Structure formats: structure tokens, C-alpha cells
Protein backbone atom coordinates (compact mmCIF):
# COMPACT_ATOMS: atom_id res chain seq x y z
CA MET A 1 226.93 192.00 147.35
CA LYS A 2 223.69 193.69 145.55
CA ASP A 3 223.57 195.46 149.22
CA ILE A 4 226.93 196.57 148.76
CA ALA A 5 226.67 197.58 145.68
CA ARG A 6 223.27 199.33 146.49
CA ARG A 7 224.98 201.54 149.55
CA ALA A 8 227.97 202.35 147.86
CA GLY A 9 226.15 203.49 144.56
CA VAL A 10 228.29 201.10 141.87
CA SER A 11 227.64 198.22 140.09
CA GLU A 12 228.16 194.57 141.36
CA SER A 13 230.86 194.18 138.98
CA ALA A 14 232.41 196.66 140.03
CA VAL A 15 231.89 195.71 144.21
CA SER A 16 233.63 192.21 142.65
CA PHE A 17 236.62 194.00 140.75
CA ALA A 18 237.22 196.40 143.96
CA LEU A 19 236.65 193.35 146.87
CA ASN A 20 239.12 191.28 144.59
CA ASP A 21 241.77 193.66 143.76
CA ARG A 22 241.07 193.19 139.57
CA PRO A 23 241.49 196.24 137.53
CA GLY A 24 238.65 198.01 136.36
CA VAL A 25 237.83 200.31 139.55
CA SER A 26 239.46 203.79 140.52
CA ASP A 27 241.05 203.64 143.60
CA ILE A 28 238.32 205.71 145.26
CA THR A 29 235.42 203.63 144.28
CA ARG A 30 238.10 200.39 146.03
CA ASP A 31 237.77 201.83 149.28
CA ARG A 32 234.25 203.29 148.91
CA VAL A 33 233.41 199.60 148.15
CA ARG A 34 235.81 197.82 150.86
CA ARG A 35 234.62 200.47 153.68
CA VAL A 36 230.82 200.05 152.80
CA ALA A 37 231.68 195.90 153.45
CA GLU A 38 233.38 196.38 156.59
CA GLN A 39 230.39 198.11 157.70
CA LEU A 40 227.86 195.80 156.57
CA GLY A 41 229.91 192.89 158.06
CA TRP A 42 230.08 190.97 154.73
CA ARG A 43 232.34 188.14 153.93
CA PRO A 44 233.00 186.42 150.85
CA SER A 45 230.16 184.37 149.51
CA THR A 46 232.99 181.51 149.72
CA ALA A 47 233.11 181.41 153.35
CA ALA A 48 229.85 181.57 153.36
CA ARG A 49 228.40 178.74 151.28
CA ALA A 50 230.89 176.73 153.73
CA LEU A 51 229.53 177.71 156.87
CA SER A 52 226.33 176.75 155.50
CA GLY A 53 227.49 173.61 154.39
CA GLU A 54 227.00 174.15 150.73
CA GLY A 55 230.34 174.98 149.38
CA SER A 56 234.03 173.30 150.52
CA ALA A 57 236.20 176.46 150.65
CA THR A 58 238.22 174.45 148.35
CA VAL A 59 240.24 175.03 145.17
CA GLY A 60 241.38 172.65 143.13
CA LEU A 61 244.33 172.33 140.36
CA VAL A 62 244.57 169.44 138.65
CA VAL A 63 247.82 168.58 136.30
CA ALA A 64 248.37 165.82 133.65
CA ARG A 65 252.03 165.62 133.65
CA PRO A 66 254.21 162.95 134.40
CA ALA A 67 255.24 162.94 137.97
CA ALA A 68 258.76 162.60 137.14
CA THR A 69 259.38 165.86 135.35
CA LEU A 70 257.08 167.85 137.62
CA GLY A 71 259.44 167.25 140.36
CA VAL A 72 262.14 169.26 138.65
CA ASP A 73 260.18 171.77 137.15
CA SER A 74 260.42 175.20 139.10
CA PHE A 75 257.23 176.82 137.13
CA PHE A 76 254.72 174.58 138.68
CA LEU A 77 256.13 175.09 141.85
CA GLN A 78 256.27 179.31 141.68
CA LEU A 79 252.77 179.02 140.43
CA ILE A 80 251.55 177.09 143.38
CA SER A 81 253.03 179.70 145.49
CA GLY A 82 251.23 182.58 144.12
CA VAL A 83 247.90 180.55 144.49
CA GLN A 84 248.33 179.77 147.25
CA GLU A 85 249.56 183.23 148.39
CA VAL A 86 246.00 184.74 147.63
CA LEU A 87 243.74 181.55 148.93
CA ALA A 88 245.35 181.88 152.21
CA GLU A 89 243.96 185.68 152.45
CA ARG A 90 240.69 184.24 152.19
CA HIS A 91 241.46 180.80 154.90
CA LEU A 92 240.97 178.71 151.31
CA GLY A 93 242.42 175.47 150.69
CA LEU A 94 243.89 174.14 147.69
CA LEU A 95 243.65 171.12 146.09
CA PHE A 96 246.26 169.37 144.19
CA GLN A 97 246.39 165.89 141.98
CA VAL A 98 248.79 164.54 139.63
CA VAL A 99 247.40 162.49 137.10
CA GLU A 100 248.77 161.02 133.34
CA ASP A 101 246.67 162.31 131.18
CA VAL A 102 243.59 164.60 130.22
CA ALA A 103 240.99 161.72 130.20
CA ALA A 104 242.54 161.29 133.69
CA GLU A 105 242.14 164.86 134.41
CA CYS A 106 238.35 165.08 133.33
CA ALA A 107 237.11 162.06 135.54
CA VAL A 108 238.64 164.01 138.63
CA TYR A 109 236.41 167.16 137.74
CA ARG A 110 233.87 164.52 137.62
CA ARG A 111 234.30 162.68 140.97
CA TRP A 112 234.90 166.22 142.87
CA TRP A 113 231.73 168.00 141.45
CA ALA A 114 229.66 164.96 142.06
CA GLU A 115 231.37 164.63 145.55
CA HIS A 116 231.28 168.70 146.13
CA ARG A 117 234.66 168.95 146.85
CA VAL A 118 236.06 171.59 145.21
CA ASP A 119 234.12 174.98 144.76
CA GLY A 120 236.11 175.96 141.38
CA VAL A 121 239.21 174.62 140.09
CA LEU A 122 242.51 176.22 138.24
CA VAL A 123 243.39 174.52 134.54
CA VAL A 124 246.38 174.62 133.20
CA ASP A 125 248.26 173.28 129.78
CA PRO A 126 245.26 174.26 127.73
CA ARG A 127 245.64 172.12 124.73
CA THR A 128 245.06 172.83 120.86
CA ASP A 129 242.18 170.22 121.35
CA ASP A 130 240.70 170.74 124.51
CA PRO A 131 238.07 169.02 126.10
CA ARG A 132 237.90 170.04 129.27
CA PRO A 133 236.65 173.88 129.27
CA ALA A 134 233.39 172.07 127.75
CA LEU A 135 233.13 169.81 130.65
CA LEU A 136 233.59 172.51 133.31
CA ASP A 137 231.10 174.40 131.41
CA GLU A 138 228.43 171.16 131.96
CA LEU A 139 229.42 170.76 135.20
CA GLY A 140 228.53 174.04 135.89
CA LEU A 141 232.33 174.34 138.34
CA PRO A 142 234.17 177.54 137.75
CA ALA A 143 237.54 177.56 136.17
CA VAL A 144 240.15 180.13 134.81
CA VAL A 145 242.45 178.32 132.56
CA THR A 146 245.96 179.66 132.90
CA GLY A 147 248.32 180.12 129.76
CA GLY A 148 244.95 180.59 127.77
CA VAL A 149 242.85 178.85 125.45
CA PRO A 150 243.64 178.32 121.69
CA ASP A 151 240.61 180.47 120.41
CA PRO A 152 239.29 183.05 123.01
CA ASP A 153 236.19 183.39 121.67
CA ALA A 154 235.54 179.82 120.62
CA GLY A 155 235.00 178.60 124.67
CA PRO A 156 232.32 178.95 126.95
CA PRO A 157 231.74 182.66 127.84
CA GLY A 158 231.68 181.56 131.89
CA LEU A 159 235.45 180.84 131.62
CA SER A 160 238.33 183.16 132.53
CA THR A 161 241.63 182.95 131.35
CA VAL A 162 244.94 184.36 132.56
CA TRP A 163 247.79 184.13 129.32
CA VAL A 164 251.16 185.34 128.46
CA ASP A 165 252.08 186.23 124.84
CA ASP A 166 254.37 183.03 124.01
CA ALA A 167 254.54 184.72 120.35
CA GLY A 168 255.83 187.50 121.61
CA ALA A 169 258.34 185.90 123.56
CA MET A 170 259.67 183.86 121.14
CA ALA A 171 259.73 186.48 118.45
CA SER A 172 262.08 188.37 120.65
CA VAL A 173 264.19 185.43 120.94
CA VAL A 174 264.58 184.95 117.69
CA GLY A 175 265.43 188.17 117.11
CA HIS A 176 268.29 188.30 119.72
CA LEU A 177 269.91 185.12 118.06
CA TYR A 178 269.07 186.90 114.73
CA ALA A 179 271.15 189.92 115.41
CA LEU A 180 273.83 187.83 117.00
CA GLY A 181 274.24 186.05 113.12
CA HIS A 182 272.37 182.47 114.03
CA ARG A 183 270.70 181.11 111.04
CA ARG A 184 270.43 177.26 111.95
CA ILE A 185 268.32 177.51 115.57
CA VAL A 186 266.64 174.43 116.90
CA HIS A 187 263.75 174.53 119.49
CA ILE A 188 263.78 171.90 121.71
CA ALA A 189 260.28 172.17 122.71
CA GLY A 190 257.81 170.47 125.76
CA LEU A 191 254.84 168.76 125.17
CA GLU A 192 253.37 168.33 121.86
CA GLY A 193 249.74 169.51 121.34
CA LEU A 194 249.90 172.07 124.44
CA ALA A 195 248.43 175.06 123.72
CA HIS A 196 251.49 177.14 124.15
CA THR A 197 253.76 174.86 122.82
CA GLU A 198 252.06 174.96 119.70
CA ARG A 199 252.25 178.28 119.58
CA ARG A 200 255.80 179.03 120.14
CA MET A 201 256.85 176.17 117.64
CA ARG A 202 254.56 178.25 115.18
CA THR A 203 256.49 181.73 116.04
CA LEU A 204 259.84 179.97 115.31
CA ARG A 205 257.99 179.20 111.50
CA ALA A 206 256.77 182.19 111.08
CA GLU A 207 259.93 184.44 112.17
CA ALA A 208 262.02 182.14 110.46
CA ALA A 209 260.14 182.82 107.21
CA SER A 210 260.00 186.38 106.94
CA ARG A 211 263.62 186.12 107.88
CA GLY A 212 264.26 183.47 104.56
CA LEU A 213 265.59 181.00 107.09
CA SER A 214 265.55 177.30 106.27
CA GLY A 215 267.52 175.96 109.12
CA VAL A 216 264.69 176.32 112.01
CA ARG A 217 263.24 174.06 113.69
CA SER A 218 261.36 172.72 117.17
CA VAL A 219 261.72 169.26 118.66
CA PRO A 220 259.36 168.39 121.09
CA THR A 221 260.00 166.52 124.36
CA ASP A 222 258.54 165.46 127.70
CA TYR A 223 260.24 168.50 129.39
CA SER A 224 262.55 166.34 131.12
CA ASP A 225 266.59 166.64 131.64
CA ALA A 226 267.39 163.11 130.11
CA GLU A 227 265.49 163.80 126.83
CA GLY A 228 266.74 167.66 126.61
CA ALA A 229 270.37 166.32 126.69
CA ALA A 230 269.09 163.37 124.37
CA VAL A 231 267.53 165.81 121.78
CA THR A 232 270.73 168.35 122.37
CA ARG A 233 273.25 165.56 121.47
CA ARG A 234 271.31 164.38 118.21
CA VAL A 235 271.09 167.65 116.72
CA LEU A 236 274.92 168.50 117.38
CA GLU A 237 276.02 165.07 115.83
CA ALA A 238 273.65 166.16 112.46
CA ALA A 239 275.88 166.96 109.51
CA GLU A 240 274.94 170.61 109.74
CA PRO A 241 274.78 170.95 113.67
CA PRO A 242 272.43 174.25 114.63
CA THR A 243 274.37 177.17 116.41
CA ALA A 244 271.94 177.96 118.56
CA LEU A 245 269.71 176.23 120.85
CA VAL A 246 266.10 177.36 122.43
CA TYR A 247 265.13 175.38 125.37
CA ASP A 248 261.45 175.44 126.68
CA ASN A 249 262.65 175.30 130.30
CA ASP A 250 265.31 175.90 132.53
CA VAL A 251 266.16 172.33 133.46
CA MET A 252 266.57 170.87 129.85
CA ALA A 253 269.11 174.22 128.95
CA VAL A 254 271.19 172.79 132.27
CA ALA A 255 271.11 169.59 130.69
CA GLY A 256 271.89 171.05 127.14
CA VAL A 257 274.62 172.79 128.17
CA ALA A 258 275.97 169.34 129.68
CA ALA A 259 275.48 167.03 126.00
CA ALA A 260 277.52 170.05 124.14
CA SER A 261 280.34 170.52 126.61
CA SER A 262 280.45 166.34 126.21
CA LEU A 263 280.55 166.68 122.23
CA GLY A 264 282.87 169.09 122.62
CA PHE A 265 280.51 172.42 121.64
CA ALA A 266 281.49 175.13 123.65
CA VAL A 267 278.91 177.83 124.87
CA PRO A 268 278.42 179.95 123.64
CA ALA A 269 281.73 180.17 121.29
CA ASP A 270 280.13 176.67 118.95
CA VAL A 271 276.92 176.81 120.04
CA SER A 272 274.56 179.67 121.69
CA VAL A 273 271.81 178.64 124.41
CA VAL A 274 268.63 180.36 125.56
CA ALA A 275 266.35 179.13 127.83
CA TRP A 276 262.72 179.88 128.24
CA GLU A 277 262.25 180.04 132.32
CA ASP A 278 264.68 181.93 134.06
CA SER A 279 265.62 180.34 137.55
CA ALA A 280 268.25 180.01 139.91
CA LEU A 281 269.41 177.16 138.15
CA CYS A 282 270.06 179.27 134.88
CA ARG A 283 272.85 181.33 137.13
CA MET A 284 274.03 177.57 138.86
CA VAL A 285 275.94 176.54 135.44
CA HIS A 286 278.69 177.88 133.53
CA PRO A 287 278.10 180.26 131.66
CA TRP A 288 274.89 181.95 133.09
CA LEU A 289 272.16 181.47 130.93
CA THR A 290 270.38 183.73 128.58
CA ALA A 291 267.07 183.08 129.81
CA LEU A 292 263.25 184.77 129.30
CA SER A 293 262.13 186.11 132.97
CA ARG A 294 258.41 185.94 134.44
CA ASP A 295 256.67 186.18 137.69
CA THR A 296 254.96 183.04 137.66
CA VAL A 297 254.21 183.78 141.46
CA ALA A 298 252.57 186.68 140.15
CA PHE A 299 251.26 184.92 137.67
CA GLY A 300 249.81 182.72 140.14
CA ARG A 301 248.48 185.59 142.19
CA THR A 302 246.56 186.67 139.19
CA ALA A 303 244.63 182.95 138.15
CA ALA A 304 243.83 182.48 141.82
CA ARG A 305 242.31 186.00 142.30
CA GLU A 306 240.46 185.59 139.02
CA LEU A 307 238.93 182.38 140.17
CA LEU A 308 237.37 184.25 143.36
CA ALA A 309 236.16 186.65 141.38
CA LEU A 310 233.82 183.98 139.77
CA LEU A 311 233.35 182.29 142.83
CA ASP A 312 232.33 185.70 144.25
CA ASP A 313 229.35 185.89 141.47
CA GLY A 314 231.73 188.48 139.32
CA PRO A 315 231.68 188.02 135.40
CA ALA A 316 234.24 185.89 133.48
CA ALA A 317 237.76 188.10 132.27
CA THR A 318 240.52 187.49 130.11
CA VAL A 319 243.58 188.60 131.40
CA GLN A 320 247.08 189.12 130.01
CA VAL A 321 249.85 189.35 131.93
CA PRO A 322 253.60 190.86 131.23
CA LEU A 323 255.26 190.07 128.48
CA PRO A 324 258.36 187.43 129.90
CA ARG A 325 261.51 189.86 129.14
CA LEU A 326 264.39 188.05 127.91
CA ILE A 327 268.06 188.69 130.03
CA GLU A 328 270.99 188.72 128.07
CA ARG A 329 274.20 186.70 129.98
CA GLU A 330 277.03 184.26 128.40
CA SER A 331 275.10 181.61 126.64
CA THR A 332 274.40 184.12 123.29
CA GLY A 333 277.19 185.35 121.36
CA PRO A 334 277.78 186.39 118.07
CA VAL A 335 278.50 183.33 115.93
CA ARG A 336 282.06 182.28 115.16
CA GLY A 337 284.24 182.58 112.69
CA GLY A 338 281.46 183.98 110.20
CA ARG A 339 280.25 180.46 109.29
CA GLU A 340 276.98 182.05 108.76
CA GLN A 341 276.03 184.49 106.35
CA PRO A 342 274.94 188.10 107.90
């Protein structure tokens, strides 16, 4: 890469950006760097390390969630599809493992590092009190955190992050429901302790406080359809049930619609429903669900490219992906009969 930078008349960082399709260089510079790389017969350093026996040509991904809930979660399938698409371009493999908790995940990282099983890792589900960034820094294992760390300035300097503005997304949901007259909103959230879950709950509280709303709260779950349905029944059977429900994934939202219907609540006449993740499921239930839509496959591609940049000795980066877009469908509507005050 030094030779390419010297011949192309650019910095080594610019070479890394150009060869990994990262922003930060012009199209002219990108083309010049690629031409020089081709002339010099350059190959990615990960491949070179594998050929010399120093690397594995493999990237690791560990998910610390109950396996039963992963089986119905479309987010991870789409994320992995995007990751694999980029890795395939470099003939790299993906080593995937599911564990019960973060302690087990850390143990996997230590074992992979000792056995030289992976060249780097993608870290998902950042926690509010997360031991993984410091461990990976200690091991010297290149890593990209998807979802962003709670405090980017406090993380190890060599760690890259790819994050989405969960706070902005939640604000758009609350704004939509508030405009429809909803004042009692329940957020049926994901796992407690996940950084993105905490950001969503915190933003909901802040948006409610700014509008003077007291009937707004979050209820954590394990992301499963069973807990989504159980919490839905519990909150709708309360003396003052919510008029709007926000679910942290599509599976819980679909289960929630069925649970509400079993109690005699019509959607959206009696209760409005919003799903955080848009998917085919949201368009297979009646009514079609209002949902937050984002390109999760592209999210996976971005995370994989940032990891490859680190493996090519590029600098750590913090990349924000586009804000999820709220798609208004049939499951949200005005509060019926003026049950809420304007």
C-alpha cells in the first residue's frame, strides 16, 4: 500500500479509502489508485496474510441472544447477507456463532484470537456497560461495532463504529402518533441493557416530557413473538389502555396485532400499531403495518467494508447510516371519538 500511495501521489489513508469503496476520496483519485494497484499486482493484505500462513482469511461474528428468538428475526439475516456480499468479493469467509450472553461471547473472542481463527470481528448489540471493546483492543483484534457504542469518545481509538440514529427514528414515530391525537403510548421494547434499546427508551421519555405526556412508557422484552403478545395483552387490559403501541421489531408487532384482536381491540380504530423494522411480515398482516424502514443489507455491507479497511491497515472510522424512514400504512390512525385531548 505504501508503494501504491507513492506512485499515485496520495496518502496511505487515501489508498485504503479508494480500495475499500469508502467515502473520503474523489472519483478521480479512486480510479487512479485502482489503476496503480492493478499495475503493481496488489492484493488485499488479508489474502496475503492467509497465503503466508499468518492469517485466516476469515471474519468472525458472535451473537449473544437466545437462539429461539434469532430464528424469527429478519434483521440478522439481512445484516449477514450484506456482510457476506462484501466478504465474497475478497474471497473471505464468515465464522458465525450464537452464544447465551456477553461473557460467553468474550470467551469466544479469546479462543478465536489464541487459535488464530479470525482476522477481525463484527460486533453487534453494543451494551450500555460493554466489556467487549476493551477486550478486543487488549487482544489487538480489529473490530467494527454495528449500532455504535454508548459513548464513542470513550471507546478504544482503533475501534470503528457503524451507527444509526435511533433517537431520531423514535422522535419521528412519537411525532407521527402525537399528530394523530395519541397521548397514551406504550413502547414494547427489546432487550434491556442494549445500547439501542436504552436510546429508544430514553428518547421516548424525552419526547413525552417535551409534550407534557404522562401516559407514555417502555416495557422491555426478549424480542420474541410470545413476549410481544403477552405484554400487549397486559397493557391493553389495564384500566386506561394505550391508544398506540410501538414494537421494537416486526415479529412482536405482528404478534401484538393478533393479541389485540383476541381482546376485541381493532387496529387502528381502537389502538394504533407501529413496527420498528419493516419487512414482508408487515405487509402480510391485516391491516398492513406502519413501520420504520431501513436498508439492513446495506448496513451489513458498510460494516464489512469498514472492517476490511481496518484489516488493510486503514484508520478507524465512525460511519452514520441513513435515518430509518417512517412508512405510514393502515395500522395507524386518529384516536377514535376524541378519547385523547388535542
